Amino acid sequence: MTASPVREPAPPPTGLASSGSSLRSKLPGLNSISLLLIWAAVIVLFGITQTSTFLTTETLKTLAADQAITAIMALALLLPLAAGAYDLSIGGVMGLAVVLVAYFQSHYHLGFVFAILLTLCAGLGIGAINAFVIVRLRVDSFIATLGMSSVLLAAVEWINGGQEIVTGISTKFTNLGSDQLLGFQLPFYYMLVIGGILWYVLEYRQAGRYMYAIGSNPDAARLAGVRTGRLTVTALLGSAFIASLAGVIFTAEIGSATNQAGPPYLLPAFAAAFLGATQFRAKVVNVPGTLIAVYALATGIKGLQLSGAAFWVNDLFNGLALIIAVAFAVRASRKRA
């Protein structure tokens, strides 16, 4: 009796719009900005019910700073998702970067600039391993990066022995995460810069358009002369690099390193990326939709927390958002078919 083959996960929502679309289909309809409308409704609702605590400058600044890392992690997913691949290792990559950038400074007394560079190089190395396994060995990206995530969690425990690193970290390094500009912490601006670069690459560069083509139909893209393997490698390297950068920024922001920093960001990142794919450029992962999704979800969670909701509402909110977003994406794909 032979075992039945493992069914590969469905590709992420990255389809390209038909070249024969009418002008009306290119204009943003209510469906493509529905999340903005929901976000506005949530702000109005909690603004009325929690006037003294919700509609404050402090709440705005807190949301902007607290969600910067989540947004960067969600942005890290966009390149592989656009190219039709999954990267479940970004949580492990971020966690490793958190520990490495602190460990290099605390135990080896390296300058913070050198520590950052070594950490980012380690992230690129992980991305290169993922790319080799997926592109060369042809292991499904879901399985390959899930396995890598477990390997990285073990590496984090081995490096710091399960202990937090709270001493030996440069003050100049922590200033990169704690300093403010115009009332907002610097990580918020790092997120905007990373988002701007990715938006430009995906929307206006040939590599970005080719990645969307690979995600939509890899066989057609290959027949059209697109170097699918090379672009998939680029996407995975970019994902690992951005996740490592998120880890560096996180460490600078909190001024210490813990071995549990990265994995909790995986679910919110996927929820935002898939939910964002329903906005602006429907059925296509995109930067504006992803950032709107991050802050719309965070606004709802913040309002519920200020209303006295339980501590587990965060996970519940993000989990439901991910399920709903994927359900809408699958439904839209079936309609196109």
Protein backbone atom coordinates (compact mmCIF):
# COMPACT_ATOMS: atom_id res chain seq x y z
CA MET A 1 0.00 0.00 0.00
CA THR A 2 1.57 3.27 -1.08
CA ALA A 3 1.35 6.44 0.96
CA SER A 4 -0.62 9.31 -0.53
CA PRO A 5 1.50 12.31 -1.48
CA VAL A 6 1.51 15.38 0.74
CA ARG A 7 -0.57 18.12 -0.80
CA GLU A 8 1.30 21.40 -1.11
CA PRO A 9 -0.33 24.52 0.35
CA ALA A 10 -2.19 26.77 -2.07
CA PRO A 11 -0.10 29.65 -3.43
CA PRO A 12 -0.54 33.05 -1.78
CA PRO A 13 -2.85 35.65 -3.34
CA THR A 14 -0.54 37.30 -5.86
CA GLY A 15 -2.45 37.20 -9.12
CA LEU A 16 -1.93 39.86 -11.76
CA ALA A 17 -4.83 41.82 -13.18
CA SER A 18 -5.82 41.09 -16.75
CA SER A 19 -4.31 43.44 -19.32
CA GLY A 20 -7.77 43.88 -20.81
CA SER A 21 -9.30 45.32 -17.65
CA SER A 22 -11.61 48.24 -18.14
CA LEU A 23 -10.90 51.68 -16.76
CA ARG A 24 -13.52 51.17 -14.11
CA SER A 25 -11.79 48.03 -12.83
CA LYS A 26 -8.56 49.98 -12.39
CA LEU A 27 -10.21 52.61 -10.22
CA PRO A 28 -10.41 51.88 -6.48
CA GLY A 29 -13.89 50.67 -5.57
CA LEU A 30 -15.41 50.25 -2.13
CA ASN A 31 -14.09 46.70 -1.85
CA SER A 32 -10.51 47.82 -2.45
CA ILE A 33 -10.68 50.43 0.33
CA SER A 34 -13.04 48.57 2.66
CA LEU A 35 -10.33 48.22 5.32
CA LEU A 36 -9.87 51.98 5.40
CA LEU A 37 -13.61 52.39 5.97
CA ILE A 38 -13.57 49.76 8.72
CA TRP A 39 -10.55 51.44 10.32
CA ALA A 40 -12.37 54.78 10.30
CA ALA A 41 -15.45 53.16 11.84
CA VAL A 42 -13.36 51.57 14.61
CA ILE A 43 -11.76 54.94 15.39
CA VAL A 44 -15.19 56.59 15.59
CA LEU A 45 -16.60 53.77 17.76
CA PHE A 46 -13.84 53.78 20.35
CA GLY A 47 -13.51 57.55 20.11
CA ILE A 48 -17.11 57.79 21.34
CA THR A 49 -16.95 55.02 23.94
CA GLN A 50 -13.41 55.72 25.22
CA THR A 51 -13.08 59.44 24.63
CA SER A 52 -10.69 60.24 27.47
CA THR A 53 -8.19 57.46 26.70
CA PHE A 54 -8.51 56.53 23.03
CA LEU A 55 -8.48 59.83 21.15
CA THR A 56 -5.24 61.11 22.63
CA THR A 57 -1.85 62.01 21.23
CA GLU A 58 -0.26 59.50 23.58
CA THR A 59 -2.36 56.66 22.16
CA LEU A 60 -1.39 57.68 18.62
CA LYS A 61 2.31 57.71 19.47
CA THR A 62 2.05 54.39 21.30
CA LEU A 63 0.33 52.71 18.37
CA ALA A 64 2.87 54.09 15.90
CA ALA A 65 5.85 52.88 17.95
CA ASP A 66 4.45 49.57 19.17
CA GLN A 67 3.41 48.39 15.70
CA ALA A 68 6.58 49.42 13.84
CA ILE A 69 8.23 46.02 14.36
CA THR A 70 5.05 44.16 13.39
CA ALA A 71 4.83 46.25 10.23
CA ILE A 72 8.48 45.59 9.31
CA MET A 73 7.94 41.86 9.81
CA ALA A 74 4.85 41.98 7.60
CA LEU A 75 6.84 43.84 4.96
CA ALA A 76 9.49 41.10 5.12
CA LEU A 77 6.86 38.64 3.89
CA LEU A 78 5.87 40.62 0.80
CA LEU A 79 8.77 39.68 -1.47
CA PRO A 80 8.46 35.88 -1.08
CA LEU A 81 4.64 36.06 -1.16
CA ALA A 82 4.75 38.12 -4.35
CA ALA A 83 6.99 35.43 -5.85
CA GLY A 84 4.62 32.66 -4.78
CA ALA A 85 6.66 31.39 -1.82
CA TYR A 86 6.14 31.24 1.92
CA ASP A 87 8.75 32.22 4.49
CA LEU A 88 7.75 30.88 7.89
CA SER A 89 11.28 31.35 9.19
CA ILE A 90 11.09 35.13 9.60
CA GLY A 91 10.15 34.80 13.28
CA GLY A 92 13.21 32.66 13.90
CA VAL A 93 15.40 35.00 11.84
CA MET A 94 14.25 37.98 13.87
CA GLY A 95 14.77 36.09 17.14
CA LEU A 96 18.30 35.13 16.12
CA ALA A 97 19.09 38.72 15.13
CA VAL A 98 17.85 39.98 18.52
CA VAL A 99 20.25 37.67 20.34
CA LEU A 100 23.21 38.05 17.97
CA VAL A 101 23.35 41.85 17.89
CA ALA A 102 23.31 41.92 21.70
CA TYR A 103 25.66 38.93 22.11
CA PHE A 104 28.31 40.44 19.83
CA GLN A 105 28.35 43.60 21.95
CA SER A 106 28.04 41.97 25.37
CA HIS A 107 30.37 38.97 25.02
CA TYR A 108 32.80 40.01 22.28
CA HIS A 109 32.73 43.75 23.04
CA LEU A 110 32.34 44.65 19.38
CA GLY A 111 31.29 48.12 18.30
CA PHE A 112 27.56 48.37 17.66
CA VAL A 113 28.04 49.14 13.95
CA PHE A 114 30.13 46.01 13.42
CA ALA A 115 27.65 43.99 15.50
CA ILE A 116 24.77 45.19 13.30
CA LEU A 117 26.65 44.33 10.10
CA LEU A 118 27.53 40.83 11.31
CA THR A 119 23.93 40.24 12.37
CA LEU A 120 22.57 41.32 8.99
CA CYS A 121 25.11 39.08 7.25
CA ALA A 122 23.90 36.17 9.39
CA GLY A 123 20.36 36.94 8.26
CA LEU A 124 21.43 36.91 4.63
CA GLY A 125 23.15 33.57 5.24
CA ILE A 126 19.90 32.09 6.53
CA GLY A 127 18.09 33.46 3.50
CA ALA A 128 20.70 31.86 1.25
CA ILE A 129 20.19 28.47 2.92
CA ASN A 130 16.41 28.79 2.51
CA ALA A 131 16.89 29.67 -1.15
CA PHE A 132 19.21 26.71 -1.76
CA VAL A 133 16.79 24.25 -0.19
CA ILE A 134 13.76 25.67 -2.01
CA VAL A 135 15.23 26.47 -5.44
CA ARG A 136 17.98 23.86 -5.80
CA LEU A 137 16.63 20.97 -3.76
CA ARG A 138 13.04 21.83 -4.77
CA VAL A 139 11.63 21.43 -1.27
CA ASP A 140 8.28 23.16 -0.85
CA SER A 141 8.81 26.62 0.68
CA PHE A 142 6.22 26.00 3.41
CA ILE A 143 8.05 22.89 4.65
CA ALA A 144 11.57 24.24 4.16
CA THR A 145 11.05 27.49 6.07
CA LEU A 146 9.00 25.80 8.78
CA GLY A 147 11.92 23.45 9.40
CA MET A 148 14.38 26.35 9.34
CA SER A 149 12.26 28.16 11.94
CA SER A 150 12.69 25.27 14.35
CA VAL A 151 16.45 25.14 13.69
CA LEU A 152 16.75 28.85 14.44
CA LEU A 153 14.83 28.55 17.70
CA ALA A 154 17.34 25.90 18.78
CA ALA A 155 20.24 28.14 17.70
CA VAL A 156 18.92 31.01 19.83
CA GLU A 157 18.68 28.78 22.91
CA TRP A 158 22.20 27.48 22.29
CA ILE A 159 23.78 30.92 21.86
CA ASN A 160 22.49 32.58 25.02
CA GLY A 161 21.67 29.48 27.07
CA GLY A 162 18.08 30.60 27.48
CA GLN A 163 19.15 33.70 29.39
CA GLU A 164 18.33 37.32 28.63
CA ILE A 165 21.18 39.66 27.69
CA VAL A 166 20.74 42.90 29.61
CA THR A 167 24.29 44.22 30.04
CA GLY A 168 27.12 45.24 27.74
CA ILE A 169 24.88 46.77 25.08
CA SER A 170 26.08 50.13 23.75
CA THR A 171 24.08 53.20 24.74
CA LYS A 172 24.61 54.62 21.26
CA PHE A 173 23.01 51.48 19.88
CA THR A 174 19.94 51.70 22.13
CA ASN A 175 19.54 55.37 21.18
CA LEU A 176 18.83 54.18 17.63
CA GLY A 177 15.63 52.64 18.96
CA SER A 178 14.63 54.92 21.81
CA ASP A 179 15.29 58.40 20.40
CA GLN A 180 12.38 60.39 19.02
CA LEU A 181 11.80 62.63 16.02
CA LEU A 182 8.78 64.94 15.95
CA GLY A 183 7.32 63.05 18.88
CA PHE A 184 7.57 59.58 17.30
CA GLN A 185 10.20 56.97 18.08
CA LEU A 186 12.76 56.25 15.34
CA PRO A 187 11.52 52.69 14.60
CA PHE A 188 8.36 54.23 13.12
CA TYR A 189 10.49 56.09 10.58
CA TYR A 190 12.60 52.99 9.85
CA MET A 191 9.35 51.21 8.98
CA LEU A 192 8.32 54.01 6.62
CA VAL A 193 11.70 53.90 4.84
CA ILE A 194 11.61 50.11 4.41
CA GLY A 195 8.01 50.30 3.21
CA GLY A 196 8.86 53.04 0.72
CA ILE A 197 11.74 51.06 -0.76
CA LEU A 198 9.64 47.89 -1.10
CA TRP A 199 6.73 49.82 -2.60
CA TYR A 200 9.03 51.30 -5.24
CA VAL A 201 10.58 47.91 -6.06
CA LEU A 202 7.28 46.05 -6.33
CA GLU A 203 5.38 48.75 -8.20
CA TYR A 204 7.94 50.39 -10.47
CA ARG A 205 10.87 48.03 -10.97
CA GLN A 206 11.00 45.18 -13.45
CA ALA A 207 12.05 42.74 -10.72
CA GLY A 208 8.90 43.53 -8.76
CA ARG A 209 6.63 43.00 -11.76
CA TYR A 210 8.40 39.72 -12.52
CA MET A 211 7.89 38.56 -8.93
CA TYR A 212 4.16 39.18 -9.27
CA ALA A 213 4.23 37.26 -12.55
CA ILE A 214 5.94 34.29 -10.85
CA GLY A 215 3.40 34.33 -8.04
CA SER A 216 0.53 34.45 -10.51
CA ASN A 217 1.72 31.72 -12.89
CA PRO A 218 5.28 30.43 -12.49
CA ASP A 219 5.14 28.20 -15.58
CA ALA A 220 3.95 31.03 -17.81
CA ALA A 221 6.58 33.34 -16.36
CA ARG A 222 9.31 30.76 -17.02
CA LEU A 223 8.16 30.27 -20.60
CA ALA A 224 8.20 34.04 -21.07
CA GLY A 225 11.90 34.10 -20.18
CA VAL A 226 11.65 35.20 -16.55
CA ARG A 227 14.44 33.78 -14.38
CA THR A 228 12.10 32.40 -11.76
CA GLY A 229 14.80 30.71 -9.69
CA ARG A 230 16.97 33.81 -9.43
CA LEU A 231 14.04 36.03 -8.44
CA THR A 232 12.86 33.53 -5.83
CA VAL A 233 16.37 33.56 -4.36
CA THR A 234 16.29 37.37 -4.30
CA ALA A 235 12.90 37.36 -2.59
CA LEU A 236 14.06 34.98 0.14
CA LEU A 237 17.28 36.92 0.72
CA GLY A 238 15.28 40.15 1.00
CA SER A 239 12.84 38.56 3.43
CA ALA A 240 15.61 37.30 5.72
CA PHE A 241 17.47 40.62 5.56
CA ILE A 242 14.39 42.65 6.54
CA ALA A 243 13.52 40.21 9.35
CA SER A 244 17.09 40.53 10.68
CA LEU A 245 16.77 44.31 10.50
CA ALA A 246 13.55 44.06 12.51
CA GLY A 247 15.44 42.09 15.16
CA VAL A 248 18.20 44.70 15.33
CA ILE A 249 15.67 47.53 15.67
CA PHE A 250 13.73 45.61 18.32
CA THR A 251 16.87 45.10 20.43
CA ALA A 252 17.79 48.77 20.13
CA GLU A 253 14.26 49.72 21.16
CA ILE A 254 14.03 47.62 24.33
CA GLY A 255 17.75 47.69 25.23
CA SER A 256 18.04 43.95 25.92
CA ALA A 257 17.75 40.56 24.21
CA THR A 258 15.38 37.69 24.96
CA ASN A 259 15.13 34.33 23.24
CA GLN A 260 11.34 34.68 22.79
CA ALA A 261 11.32 37.90 20.76
CA GLY A 262 10.75 36.72 17.18
CA PRO A 263 8.08 33.97 16.95
CA PRO A 264 5.17 36.03 18.39
CA TYR A 265 5.42 38.38 15.40
CA LEU A 266 4.84 35.63 12.81
CA LEU A 267 1.04 35.41 13.09
CA PRO A 268 0.39 39.21 13.09
CA ALA A 269 2.74 39.58 10.11
CA PHE A 270 0.91 36.97 8.05
CA ALA A 271 -2.48 38.37 9.09
CA ALA A 272 -1.48 41.84 7.91
CA ALA A 273 0.08 40.64 4.65
CA PHE A 274 -2.93 38.55 3.62
CA LEU A 275 -5.48 41.10 4.80
CA GLY A 276 -3.56 43.82 2.97
CA ALA A 277 -3.78 41.75 -0.23
CA THR A 278 -7.53 42.48 -0.29
CA GLN A 279 -6.93 46.23 -0.46
CA PHE A 280 -5.88 48.72 -3.15
CA ARG A 281 -4.52 46.06 -5.52
CA ALA A 282 -7.05 43.32 -4.91
CA LYS A 283 -5.66 39.78 -4.71
CA VAL A 284 -2.09 41.07 -4.81
CA VAL A 285 0.14 41.56 -1.76
CA ASN A 286 1.13 45.21 -1.59
CA VAL A 287 2.84 47.65 0.75
CA PRO A 288 0.03 50.20 1.36
CA GLY A 289 -2.54 47.49 2.07
CA THR A 290 -0.17 45.71 4.45
CA LEU A 291 0.61 48.84 6.47
CA ILE A 292 -3.06 49.79 6.64
CA ALA A 293 -3.88 46.26 7.83
CA VAL A 294 -1.23 46.41 10.58
CA TYR A 295 -2.54 49.64 12.03
CA ALA A 296 -6.23 48.86 11.51
CA LEU A 297 -5.83 45.61 13.46
CA ALA A 298 -3.74 47.35 16.13
CA THR A 299 -6.32 50.12 16.50
CA GLY A 300 -9.10 47.59 17.10
CA ILE A 301 -7.00 45.69 19.63
CA LYS A 302 -6.02 48.90 21.43
CA GLY A 303 -9.63 50.01 21.65
CA LEU A 304 -10.69 46.66 23.09
CA GLN A 305 -7.85 46.73 25.61
CA LEU A 306 -8.82 50.22 26.75
CA SER A 307 -12.37 48.92 27.11
CA GLY A 308 -11.17 46.30 29.56
CA ALA A 309 -10.86 43.28 27.24
CA ALA A 310 -8.81 40.28 28.35
CA PHE A 311 -5.10 39.99 27.57
CA TRP A 312 -5.67 37.20 25.01
CA VAL A 313 -7.70 39.44 22.70
CA ASN A 314 -4.55 40.23 20.69
CA ASP A 315 -4.03 36.64 19.54
CA LEU A 316 -7.76 36.15 18.96
CA PHE A 317 -8.00 39.28 16.82
CA ASN A 318 -4.97 38.43 14.67
CA GLY A 319 -6.00 34.78 14.27
CA LEU A 320 -9.50 35.67 13.10
CA ALA A 321 -8.10 38.32 10.75
CA LEU A 322 -5.78 35.77 9.14
CA ILE A 323 -8.57 33.22 8.67
CA ILE A 324 -10.93 35.81 7.18
CA ALA A 325 -8.27 37.26 4.87
CA VAL A 326 -7.26 33.86 3.50
CA ALA A 327 -10.93 32.88 3.09
CA PHE A 328 -11.58 36.01 1.02
CA ALA A 329 -8.45 35.35 -1.06
CA VAL A 330 -9.50 31.75 -1.80
CA ARG A 331 -13.04 32.87 -2.67
CA ALA A 332 -11.70 35.52 -5.05
CA SER A 333 -9.39 32.96 -6.70
CA ARG A 334 -12.30 30.58 -7.28
CA LYS A 335 -14.34 33.38 -8.85
CA ARG A 336 -11.48 34.18 -11.24
CA ALA A 337 -11.23 30.49 -12.15
